[in-house]
Amino acid sequence: MRSIKKIRNESDRVFGEKALSMTDTQAAAEAGHLDRPDEAPDEADVRPGVEDSDIGAIDDIIGFHIRLAHGATYRHFTETFSELGLTQKMVSVLWLIADHPNIAQADIGRRLQMDRATTMAIVNRLQARDLLRRGASTRDRRRQTLTLTSEGQAALQDARRAIDLHESWLKSRFTKREAALLIDLLRRIHE
C-alpha cells in the first residue's frame, strides 16, 4: 500500500490542486511538524493515529486508479522519449503514416480520435521538422495525403526502440495473459 503523502503528491499532479488545505499546513507548521512552512506534512504528522497507507474510500474508485496509472505511464514515456523531441501523438501519427502510406490527414484524426485542429498542428510540426511530406490525393483533390520522409522513417525507428523500452517496463508488471486482459478491459472504456 502507498503512503498518503505519495498519493497526495500524485493527486496534486492528477487534479492540479493541493491535496492539503492551507489550514492543515499552517496547523502543522505551528505545531512544529514542518522544517519549512511550505513543506507539505505527512498525514501522520497532522492526524496522529491514522495509518499512513489508508487512503479511505478513494481506493475503490476505478477512475482514480486509471488516472494514477496514466500518470505513471506518461511520466515514464516522457523520460524514455526526452531525447527524441517527440510526443506520444507525434509518434502515433508517424507510425500510422508508416503503416498506411499516402493516408489522408483527416483519416489520421479519425483513427487516432483527435480533432481536426490538433491533427493539423501535429502534421504541421512534423512537416516543419521534415519528417513527413504532404501530397495531393489521386482519388480526391480536396484531400492531402501524407508520407514519411527518410528523416521521418529514421525518427520512427528511434521512437520504436524507445517504445520497446517503455512497453517492456510496462509489461514487466503483468503476465502475458494479464496484459492481454488489461488491453481488453481498457478497450471497454475507450471504444
Protein backbone atom coordinates (compact mmCIF):
# COMPACT_ATOMS: atom_id res chain seq x y z
CA MET A 1 0.00 0.00 0.00
CA ARG A 2 1.25 3.50 -0.86
CA SER A 3 1.62 6.24 1.72
CA ILE A 4 -0.82 9.11 1.99
CA LYS A 5 1.96 11.59 1.17
CA LYS A 6 2.84 9.73 -2.03
CA ILE A 7 -0.81 9.52 -3.07
CA ARG A 8 -1.40 13.15 -2.21
CA ASN A 9 1.62 14.16 -4.27
CA GLU A 10 0.19 12.09 -7.13
CA SER A 11 -3.21 13.67 -6.55
CA ASP A 12 -1.61 17.11 -6.79
CA ARG A 13 -0.34 16.18 -10.24
CA VAL A 14 -3.60 14.46 -11.20
CA PHE A 15 -6.06 17.08 -10.03
CA GLY A 16 -3.84 20.16 -10.32
CA GLU A 17 -4.51 21.40 -6.82
CA LYS A 18 -3.08 20.93 -3.37
CA ALA A 19 -4.44 17.85 -1.63
CA LEU A 20 -3.99 19.53 1.77
CA SER A 21 -5.80 22.70 2.74
CA MET A 22 -3.86 25.75 3.86
CA THR A 23 -5.21 25.35 7.40
CA ASP A 24 -3.73 21.82 7.67
CA THR A 25 -0.35 23.11 6.51
CA GLN A 26 -0.50 26.12 8.81
CA ALA A 27 -1.52 23.96 11.78
CA ALA A 28 1.32 21.53 11.12
CA ALA A 29 3.80 24.41 10.84
CA GLU A 30 2.58 25.96 14.08
CA ALA A 31 2.84 22.60 15.84
CA GLY A 32 6.47 22.35 14.72
CA HIS A 33 5.93 19.37 12.40
CA LEU A 34 7.42 21.09 9.36
CA ASP A 35 11.04 22.00 8.73
CA ARG A 36 9.83 24.69 6.32
CA PRO A 37 6.35 26.31 6.35
CA ASP A 38 5.87 25.49 2.65
CA GLU A 39 6.58 21.77 3.13
CA ALA A 40 3.51 19.52 2.91
CA PRO A 41 3.06 17.45 6.08
CA ASP A 42 2.71 13.69 6.25
CA GLU A 43 -0.76 12.52 7.22
CA ALA A 44 0.61 11.01 10.45
CA ASP A 45 2.14 14.39 11.41
CA VAL A 46 -1.21 16.16 11.14
CA ARG A 47 -3.52 13.43 12.43
CA PRO A 48 -1.75 11.10 14.86
CA GLY A 49 -3.11 7.57 14.91
CA VAL A 50 -4.21 7.48 11.26
CA GLU A 51 -2.48 4.64 9.41
CA ASP A 52 -0.09 6.00 6.77
CA SER A 53 -1.23 3.67 3.99
CA ASP A 54 -5.01 4.11 4.47
CA ILE A 55 -6.45 6.28 1.71
CA GLY A 56 -10.05 5.51 2.52
CA ALA A 57 -12.88 5.16 0.05
CA ILE A 58 -10.94 6.75 -2.83
CA ASP A 59 -9.08 3.43 -3.10
CA ASP A 60 -12.30 1.91 -4.50
CA ILE A 61 -12.66 4.46 -7.31
CA ILE A 62 -11.67 2.97 -10.67
CA GLY A 63 -11.13 6.38 -12.28
CA PHE A 64 -8.67 7.33 -9.55
CA HIS A 65 -6.52 4.27 -10.29
CA ILE A 66 -6.78 4.77 -14.05
CA ARG A 67 -5.58 8.36 -13.63
CA LEU A 68 -2.69 7.31 -11.38
CA ALA A 69 -1.71 4.57 -13.84
CA HIS A 70 -1.92 7.06 -16.71
CA GLY A 71 0.30 9.49 -14.80
CA ALA A 72 2.94 6.85 -14.07
CA THR A 73 2.86 5.60 -17.66
CA TYR A 74 3.04 9.11 -19.11
CA ARG A 75 5.97 10.10 -16.86
CA HIS A 76 7.92 7.01 -17.91
CA PHE A 77 7.07 7.66 -21.57
CA THR A 78 8.31 11.26 -21.41
CA GLU A 79 11.51 10.16 -19.66
CA THR A 80 12.08 7.50 -22.32
CA PHE A 81 11.36 9.94 -25.16
CA SER A 82 13.06 13.05 -23.76
CA GLU A 83 15.98 12.93 -26.20
CA LEU A 84 13.79 12.33 -29.28
CA GLY A 85 11.77 15.53 -29.02
CA LEU A 86 8.57 13.69 -29.96
CA THR A 87 5.26 13.49 -28.15
CA GLN A 88 3.01 10.44 -27.94
CA LYS A 89 0.68 11.94 -30.52
CA MET A 90 3.53 12.77 -32.90
CA VAL A 91 4.82 9.20 -32.68
CA SER A 92 1.31 7.84 -33.25
CA VAL A 93 0.95 9.98 -36.39
CA LEU A 94 4.35 8.89 -37.73
CA TRP A 95 3.53 5.25 -37.01
CA LEU A 96 0.13 5.44 -38.70
CA ILE A 97 1.63 7.09 -41.79
CA ALA A 98 4.32 4.38 -41.96
CA ASP A 99 1.66 1.67 -41.75
CA HIS A 100 -0.59 3.45 -44.28
CA PRO A 101 1.50 5.43 -46.81
CA ASN A 102 -0.48 8.19 -48.52
CA ILE A 103 -3.09 8.23 -45.76
CA ALA A 104 -5.25 11.35 -45.70
CA GLN A 105 -4.77 13.80 -42.86
CA ALA A 106 -8.49 13.56 -42.00
CA ASP A 107 -8.20 9.76 -41.68
CA ILE A 108 -5.36 10.15 -39.18
CA GLY A 109 -7.52 12.34 -36.97
CA ARG A 110 -10.41 9.87 -37.09
CA ARG A 111 -8.29 6.80 -36.43
CA LEU A 112 -6.38 8.41 -33.54
CA GLN A 113 -9.52 10.12 -32.17
CA MET A 114 -8.03 13.62 -32.45
CA ASP A 115 -9.89 16.72 -33.52
CA ARG A 116 -9.08 18.43 -36.82
CA ALA A 117 -7.12 21.33 -35.26
CA THR A 118 -4.90 19.03 -33.19
CA THR A 119 -4.22 16.77 -36.15
CA MET A 120 -3.32 19.72 -38.35
CA ALA A 121 -1.00 21.22 -35.71
CA ILE A 122 0.85 17.92 -35.27
CA VAL A 123 1.16 17.38 -39.02
CA ASN A 124 2.45 20.95 -39.41
CA ARG A 125 5.10 20.40 -36.71
CA LEU A 126 6.19 17.11 -38.25
CA GLN A 127 6.37 18.69 -41.70
CA ALA A 128 8.39 21.65 -40.33
CA ARG A 129 10.90 19.11 -38.99
CA ASP A 130 10.97 17.44 -42.43
CA LEU A 131 9.61 14.18 -41.00
CA LEU A 132 6.69 13.92 -43.41
CA ARG A 133 5.58 15.19 -46.79
CA ARG A 134 2.14 16.33 -47.88
CA GLY A 135 0.84 15.39 -51.30
CA ALA A 136 -2.34 15.53 -53.33
CA SER A 137 -4.67 12.56 -53.27
CA THR A 138 -5.08 10.76 -56.59
CA ARG A 139 -8.69 9.92 -55.65
CA ASP A 140 -9.91 13.22 -54.21
CA ARG A 141 -8.13 16.52 -54.93
CA ARG A 142 -9.58 18.09 -51.79
CA ARG A 143 -7.66 15.66 -49.59
CA GLN A 144 -4.00 15.77 -48.70
CA THR A 145 -2.04 12.58 -48.36
CA LEU A 146 0.91 12.09 -46.04
CA THR A 147 4.09 10.07 -46.43
CA LEU A 148 7.19 9.84 -44.29
CA THR A 149 10.46 11.32 -45.46
CA SER A 150 13.69 9.39 -44.88
CA GLU A 151 14.19 11.57 -41.77
CA GLY A 152 10.69 10.63 -40.63
CA GLN A 153 11.43 6.93 -41.11
CA ALA A 154 14.63 7.30 -39.07
CA ALA A 155 12.78 9.20 -36.32
CA LEU A 156 10.13 6.49 -36.23
CA GLN A 157 12.79 3.78 -35.93
CA ASP A 158 14.28 5.63 -32.94
CA ALA A 159 10.80 6.07 -31.48
CA ARG A 160 10.02 2.37 -31.92
CA ARG A 161 13.16 1.47 -29.98
CA ALA A 162 12.08 3.84 -27.21
CA ILE A 163 8.56 2.38 -27.31
CA ASP A 164 10.01 -1.12 -26.97
CA LEU A 165 11.85 0.01 -23.82
CA HIS A 166 8.74 1.71 -22.48
CA GLU A 167 6.50 -1.27 -23.26
CA SER A 168 8.99 -3.65 -21.63
CA TRP A 169 8.88 -1.53 -18.49
CA LEU A 170 5.09 -1.50 -18.53
CA LYS A 171 4.55 -5.15 -19.44
CA SER A 172 7.05 -6.30 -16.81
CA ARG A 173 4.30 -5.64 -14.28
CA PHE A 174 1.97 -8.23 -15.85
CA THR A 175 1.94 -11.75 -17.21
CA LYS A 176 1.16 -12.03 -20.95
CA ARG A 177 -2.36 -13.10 -20.08
CA GLU A 178 -2.83 -10.18 -17.67
CA ALA A 179 -1.50 -7.71 -20.27
CA ALA A 180 -3.95 -9.01 -22.90
CA LEU A 181 -6.80 -8.84 -20.36
CA LEU A 182 -5.82 -5.30 -19.36
CA ILE A 183 -5.93 -4.17 -23.00
CA ASP A 184 -9.38 -5.75 -23.43
CA LEU A 185 -10.66 -4.12 -20.23
CA LEU A 186 -9.32 -0.70 -21.20
CA ARG A 187 -10.92 -1.01 -24.65
CA ARG A 188 -14.30 -1.29 -22.92
CA ILE A 189 -13.73 2.21 -21.58
CA HIS A 190 -12.40 3.99 -24.66
CA GLU A 191 -14.30 2.31 -27.50
